[in-house]
Amino acid sequence: MTQMKNEMEIKPFQPQTIKKVWGDEIIIANDQYCGKILVLKMNYRCSVHMHKMKTETFYFMEGLCLFEWCKANRNNEDNIVHKYIMPVGSCITLEPRVMHRFSGIAQVTKILEVSTKDLPEDSYRNTQSEYVDGGSVKWSKNKIWQFQ
């Protein structure tokens, strides 16, 4: 009779840091699922983008973030229709085809992203990442709601 091994297979993974206009994207897993830490710089925002296949859950770990989203049939940043301030401890899940972007409104903002596998060909961008002169809250202060 053969004994079954009760050992877990462990796969070493070296986290990869990708420098972005808005900060750093630290990839900690991207095989059957994806895990990232997004580090946003103050007054920078990522592109307005969406994914046709990817489902994403975000946990706001540190700092303060402006999160904006709309349905994917919108075609430019002027059509962002929902804006929320995301405090530490808040969590959201985005289904595929939701246009969205994040802006750092604290000195450093850290977000944990857990999602289905991240595929470069599944990112559809309407705008570029950029610096927002004068602060990201200023340009949208009349349409911000506190996320609850």
Protein backbone atom coordinates (compact mmCIF):
# COMPACT_ATOMS: atom_id res chain seq x y z
CA MET A 1 0.00 0.00 0.00
CA THR A 2 1.39 3.38 -0.97
CA GLN A 3 1.23 6.26 1.41
CA MET A 4 -0.13 9.53 0.06
CA LYS A 5 2.04 12.53 0.64
CA ASN A 6 0.37 15.29 2.56
CA GLU A 7 2.65 18.03 1.31
CA MET A 8 1.70 21.35 -0.18
CA GLU A 9 3.37 22.48 -3.35
CA ILE A 10 4.99 25.85 -2.79
CA LYS A 11 5.77 28.10 -5.71
CA PRO A 12 8.26 30.87 -5.03
CA PHE A 13 7.28 34.22 -6.55
CA GLN A 14 9.39 37.34 -6.67
CA PRO A 15 7.17 40.44 -6.32
CA GLN A 16 7.57 42.78 -9.28
CA THR A 17 7.37 46.58 -8.94
CA ILE A 18 6.23 48.47 -12.01
CA LYS A 19 6.79 52.23 -11.94
CA LYS A 20 3.75 54.18 -13.15
CA VAL A 21 3.05 57.89 -13.60
CA TRP A 22 0.74 57.72 -10.55
CA GLY A 23 3.05 55.64 -8.32
CA ASP A 24 3.98 51.95 -8.03
CA GLU A 25 2.16 48.76 -8.92
CA ILE A 26 3.59 45.90 -6.86
CA ILE A 27 2.51 42.54 -8.29
CA ILE A 28 2.56 39.86 -5.61
CA ALA A 29 0.69 37.15 -7.58
CA ASN A 30 -0.63 36.74 -11.12
CA ASP A 31 -1.30 33.12 -11.95
CA GLN A 32 -4.75 31.72 -11.22
CA TYR A 33 -5.62 34.99 -9.48
CA CYS A 34 -3.91 38.36 -9.16
CA GLY A 35 -2.74 40.22 -6.07
CA LYS A 36 -1.29 43.73 -6.20
CA ILE A 37 -0.48 46.62 -3.94
CA LEU A 38 -1.11 49.96 -5.63
CA VAL A 39 0.86 52.86 -4.14
CA LEU A 40 -0.62 56.18 -5.32
CA LYS A 41 1.24 59.47 -5.10
CA MET A 42 -0.64 62.55 -3.94
CA ASN A 43 -2.21 64.59 -6.79
CA TYR A 44 -1.76 61.82 -9.36
CA ARG A 45 -4.43 59.70 -10.95
CA CYS A 46 -4.43 56.59 -13.10
CA SER A 47 -6.11 56.43 -16.49
CA VAL A 48 -9.85 56.04 -16.90
CA HIS A 49 -9.95 52.36 -17.85
CA MET A 50 -11.90 49.11 -17.73
CA HIS A 51 -11.45 45.40 -18.18
CA LYS A 52 -13.78 43.21 -20.27
CA MET A 53 -12.95 40.03 -18.31
CA LYS A 54 -11.35 41.01 -15.00
CA THR A 55 -13.26 41.25 -11.71
CA GLU A 56 -11.40 43.34 -9.11
CA THR A 57 -11.75 43.82 -5.37
CA PHE A 58 -9.96 46.75 -3.73
CA TYR A 59 -9.18 47.20 -0.04
CA PHE A 60 -8.01 50.68 0.94
CA MET A 61 -5.09 50.13 3.33
CA GLU A 62 -3.52 53.55 3.88
CA GLY A 63 -4.10 57.20 3.00
CA LEU A 64 -7.13 58.56 1.18
CA CYS A 65 -8.27 57.94 -2.38
CA LEU A 66 -10.76 59.45 -4.79
CA PHE A 67 -12.43 56.58 -6.66
CA GLU A 68 -14.45 57.39 -9.79
CA TRP A 69 -16.52 55.06 -11.97
CA CYS A 70 -19.21 54.78 -14.63
CA LYS A 71 -20.67 52.19 -16.97
CA ALA A 72 -18.40 51.14 -19.83
CA ASN A 73 -20.58 52.65 -22.57
CA ARG A 74 -19.24 56.06 -21.55
CA ASN A 75 -16.39 57.15 -23.79
CA ASN A 76 -14.39 59.84 -22.01
CA GLU A 77 -13.47 61.25 -18.61
CA ASP A 78 -16.23 63.87 -18.74
CA ASN A 79 -18.74 61.05 -18.32
CA ILE A 80 -17.42 59.83 -14.96
CA VAL A 81 -20.65 59.84 -12.99
CA HIS A 82 -19.87 58.44 -9.53
CA LYS A 83 -17.14 59.86 -7.26
CA TYR A 84 -16.32 58.59 -3.78
CA ILE A 85 -13.70 59.31 -1.15
CA MET A 86 -12.40 55.92 -0.03
CA PRO A 87 -11.11 55.96 3.57
CA VAL A 88 -8.85 53.33 5.14
CA GLY A 89 -10.74 50.08 5.74
CA SER A 90 -13.25 50.48 2.90
CA CYS A 91 -13.56 47.78 0.28
CA ILE A 92 -15.24 47.62 -3.16
CA THR A 93 -15.64 45.04 -5.93
CA LEU A 94 -15.82 45.96 -9.60
CA GLU A 95 -17.38 43.64 -12.14
CA PRO A 96 -16.01 43.59 -15.71
CA ARG A 97 -16.85 46.55 -17.99
CA VAL A 98 -16.89 49.23 -15.28
CA MET A 99 -14.85 52.30 -16.29
CA HIS A 100 -12.88 53.55 -13.28
CA ARG A 101 -9.88 55.46 -11.98
CA PHE A 102 -8.13 56.22 -8.69
CA SER A 103 -6.56 59.47 -7.52
CA GLY A 104 -4.22 59.85 -4.56
CA ILE A 105 -5.41 62.59 -2.20
CA ALA A 106 -3.10 61.81 0.73
CA GLN A 107 0.70 61.95 0.77
CA VAL A 108 0.75 58.19 0.14
CA THR A 109 -2.25 55.96 -0.56
CA LYS A 110 -1.98 52.15 -0.55
CA ILE A 111 -4.63 49.87 -2.05
CA LEU A 112 -4.67 46.07 -2.01
CA GLU A 113 -6.11 44.67 -5.25
CA VAL A 114 -7.25 41.05 -5.47
CA SER A 115 -8.66 40.01 -8.83
CA THR A 116 -8.95 37.43 -11.51
CA LYS A 117 -5.74 37.05 -13.54
CA ASP A 118 -4.42 40.34 -14.93
CA LEU A 119 -3.95 40.20 -18.69
CA PRO A 120 -2.38 43.22 -20.47
CA GLU A 121 -4.73 42.78 -23.44
CA ASP A 122 -7.74 43.15 -21.11
CA SER A 123 -7.07 46.81 -20.21
CA TYR A 124 -8.98 49.42 -22.23
CA ARG A 125 -7.95 53.02 -21.50
CA ASN A 126 -9.86 56.21 -22.36
CA THR A 127 -7.34 58.64 -20.83
CA GLN A 128 -3.72 58.68 -19.73
CA SER A 129 -2.45 58.65 -16.17
CA GLU A 130 -1.53 62.16 -15.05
CA TYR A 131 -0.60 64.71 -12.44
CA VAL A 132 -3.53 66.88 -11.33
CA ASP A 133 -2.30 70.41 -10.67
CA GLY A 134 -3.69 71.88 -7.46
CA GLY A 135 -4.85 68.58 -5.96
CA SER A 136 -7.31 65.96 -7.07
CA VAL A 137 -10.04 67.01 -4.65
CA LYS A 138 -10.12 70.62 -5.88
CA TRP A 139 -11.11 69.78 -9.42
CA SER A 140 -14.08 67.68 -8.35
CA LYS A 141 -15.10 68.90 -4.90
CA ASN A 142 -18.68 69.67 -5.95
CA LYS A 143 -19.39 66.02 -6.84
CA ILE A 144 -17.74 63.97 -4.08
CA TRP A 145 -19.65 61.69 -1.73
CA GLN A 146 -18.26 59.83 1.24
CA PHE A 147 -18.25 56.08 0.58
CA GLN A 148 -20.12 54.19 3.30
